[in-house]
Amino acid sequence: MATKTYTVTGMTCSHCVGSVSSEIKQIPGVTDVQVDLASGEVTVTSDQPVDEAAVAAAVDEAGYELAR
């Protein structure tokens, strides 16, 4: 199991949280996504480490941006 926390900018409501969670959960190997709306932190749990570019692409697809 691998867990990594990212910061996502632009989320303002529960719909934002749902969109980001839904897109990240589609990445192969991802088993859980926890989003803290207040801090913008997104914790991704997966079978193996997930490529950050894949997470960035999923967040972008949801309409938000991964803070770097």
C-alpha atoms as a PDB file:
ATOM      1  CA  MET A   1       0.000   0.000   0.000  1.00  0.00           C
ATOM      2  CA  ALA A   2       1.124   3.517  -0.778  1.00  0.00           C
ATOM      3  CA  THR A   3      -0.312   6.779   0.523  1.00  0.00           C
ATOM      4  CA  LYS A   4       0.527  10.243  -0.725  1.00  0.00           C
ATOM      5  CA  THR A   5      -1.012  13.641  -0.003  1.00  0.00           C
ATOM      6  CA  TYR A   6      -1.360  16.337  -2.661  1.00  0.00           C
ATOM      7  CA  THR A   7      -2.687  19.896  -2.507  1.00  0.00           C
ATOM      8  CA  VAL A   8      -5.428  20.825  -4.964  1.00  0.00           C
ATOM      9  CA  THR A   9      -6.330  24.466  -5.610  1.00  0.00           C
ATOM     10  CA  GLY A  10      -9.715  25.838  -6.606  1.00  0.00           C
ATOM     11  CA  MET A  11     -12.046  23.540  -4.656  1.00  0.00           C
ATOM     12  CA  THR A  12     -14.815  25.466  -2.905  1.00  0.00           C
ATOM     13  CA  CYS A  13     -17.664  23.028  -2.192  1.00  0.00           C
ATOM     14  CA  SER A  14     -18.714  19.409  -1.794  1.00  0.00           C
ATOM     15  CA  HIS A  15     -19.355  19.134  -5.545  1.00  0.00           C
ATOM     16  CA  CYS A  16     -15.686  20.024  -6.102  1.00  0.00           C
ATOM     17  CA  VAL A  17     -14.662  17.305  -3.648  1.00  0.00           C
ATOM     18  CA  GLY A  18     -16.836  14.766  -5.437  1.00  0.00           C
ATOM     19  CA  SER A  19     -15.462  15.669  -8.860  1.00  0.00           C
ATOM     20  CA  VAL A  20     -11.842  15.411  -7.753  1.00  0.00           C
ATOM     21  CA  SER A  21     -12.451  12.161  -5.855  1.00  0.00           C
ATOM     22  CA  SER A  22     -14.277  10.598  -8.786  1.00  0.00           C
ATOM     23  CA  GLU A  23     -11.524  11.393 -11.297  1.00  0.00           C
ATOM     24  CA  ILE A  24      -8.665  10.227  -9.047  1.00  0.00           C
ATOM     25  CA  LYS A  25     -10.489   6.975  -8.204  1.00  0.00           C
ATOM     26  CA  GLN A  26     -10.392   6.099 -11.925  1.00  0.00           C
ATOM     27  CA  ILE A  27      -6.572   5.845 -11.844  1.00  0.00           C
ATOM     28  CA  PRO A  28      -5.606   2.143 -11.919  1.00  0.00           C
ATOM     29  CA  GLY A  29      -4.505   0.888  -8.497  1.00  0.00           C
ATOM     30  CA  VAL A  30      -6.130   3.675  -6.457  1.00  0.00           C
ATOM     31  CA  THR A  31      -8.066   2.157  -3.561  1.00  0.00           C
ATOM     32  CA  ASP A  32      -9.144   5.266  -1.603  1.00  0.00           C
ATOM     33  CA  VAL A  33      -9.282   9.060  -1.927  1.00  0.00           C
ATOM     34  CA  GLN A  34      -9.819  11.373   1.056  1.00  0.00           C
ATOM     35  CA  VAL A  35     -10.350  15.090   0.397  1.00  0.00           C
ATOM     36  CA  ASP A  36     -10.102  17.832   3.034  1.00  0.00           C
ATOM     37  CA  LEU A  37     -11.950  20.764   1.492  1.00  0.00           C
ATOM     38  CA  ALA A  38     -10.732  23.303   4.067  1.00  0.00           C
ATOM     39  CA  SER A  39      -7.030  22.664   3.441  1.00  0.00           C
ATOM     40  CA  GLY A  40      -7.272  21.453  -0.155  1.00  0.00           C
ATOM     41  CA  GLU A  41      -5.369  18.312   0.794  1.00  0.00           C
ATOM     42  CA  VAL A  42      -6.143  15.148  -1.143  1.00  0.00           C
ATOM     43  CA  THR A  43      -4.802  11.881   0.254  1.00  0.00           C
ATOM     44  CA  VAL A  44      -4.549   9.071  -2.274  1.00  0.00           C
ATOM     45  CA  THR A  45      -4.149   5.444  -1.158  1.00  0.00           C
ATOM     46  CA  SER A  46      -3.142   2.896  -3.763  1.00  0.00           C
ATOM     47  CA  ASP A  47      -1.809  -0.619  -4.222  1.00  0.00           C
ATOM     48  CA  GLN A  48       1.476   0.803  -5.532  1.00  0.00           C
ATOM     49  CA  PRO A  49       2.832   4.352  -5.820  1.00  0.00           C
ATOM     50  CA  VAL A  50       0.819   6.374  -8.363  1.00  0.00           C
ATOM     51  CA  ASP A  51       2.539   8.548 -10.949  1.00  0.00           C
ATOM     52  CA  GLU A  52       2.082  12.205  -9.956  1.00  0.00           C
ATOM     53  CA  ALA A  53       1.421  13.091 -13.601  1.00  0.00           C
ATOM     54  CA  ALA A  54      -1.598  10.749 -13.544  1.00  0.00           C
ATOM     55  CA  VAL A  55      -2.936  12.465 -10.430  1.00  0.00           C
ATOM     56  CA  ALA A  56      -2.334  15.907 -11.978  1.00  0.00           C
ATOM     57  CA  ALA A  57      -4.167  14.828 -15.147  1.00  0.00           C
ATOM     58  CA  ALA A  58      -7.127  13.509 -13.138  1.00  0.00           C
ATOM     59  CA  VAL A  59      -7.344  16.715 -11.096  1.00  0.00           C
ATOM     60  CA  ASP A  60      -7.120  18.760 -14.310  1.00  0.00           C
ATOM     61  CA  GLU A  61      -9.903  16.655 -15.859  1.00  0.00           C
ATOM     62  CA  ALA A  62     -12.066  17.524 -12.839  1.00  0.00           C
ATOM     63  CA  GLY A  63     -11.402  21.223 -13.519  1.00  0.00           C
ATOM     64  CA  TYR A  64      -8.905  21.962 -10.756  1.00  0.00           C
ATOM     65  CA  GLU A  65      -5.156  22.256 -10.400  1.00  0.00           C
ATOM     66  CA  LEU A  66      -2.541  20.304  -8.476  1.00  0.00           C
ATOM     67  CA  ALA A  67      -0.369  22.728  -6.480  1.00  0.00           C
ATOM     68  CA  ARG A  68       3.323  22.162  -7.157  1.00  0.00           C
END
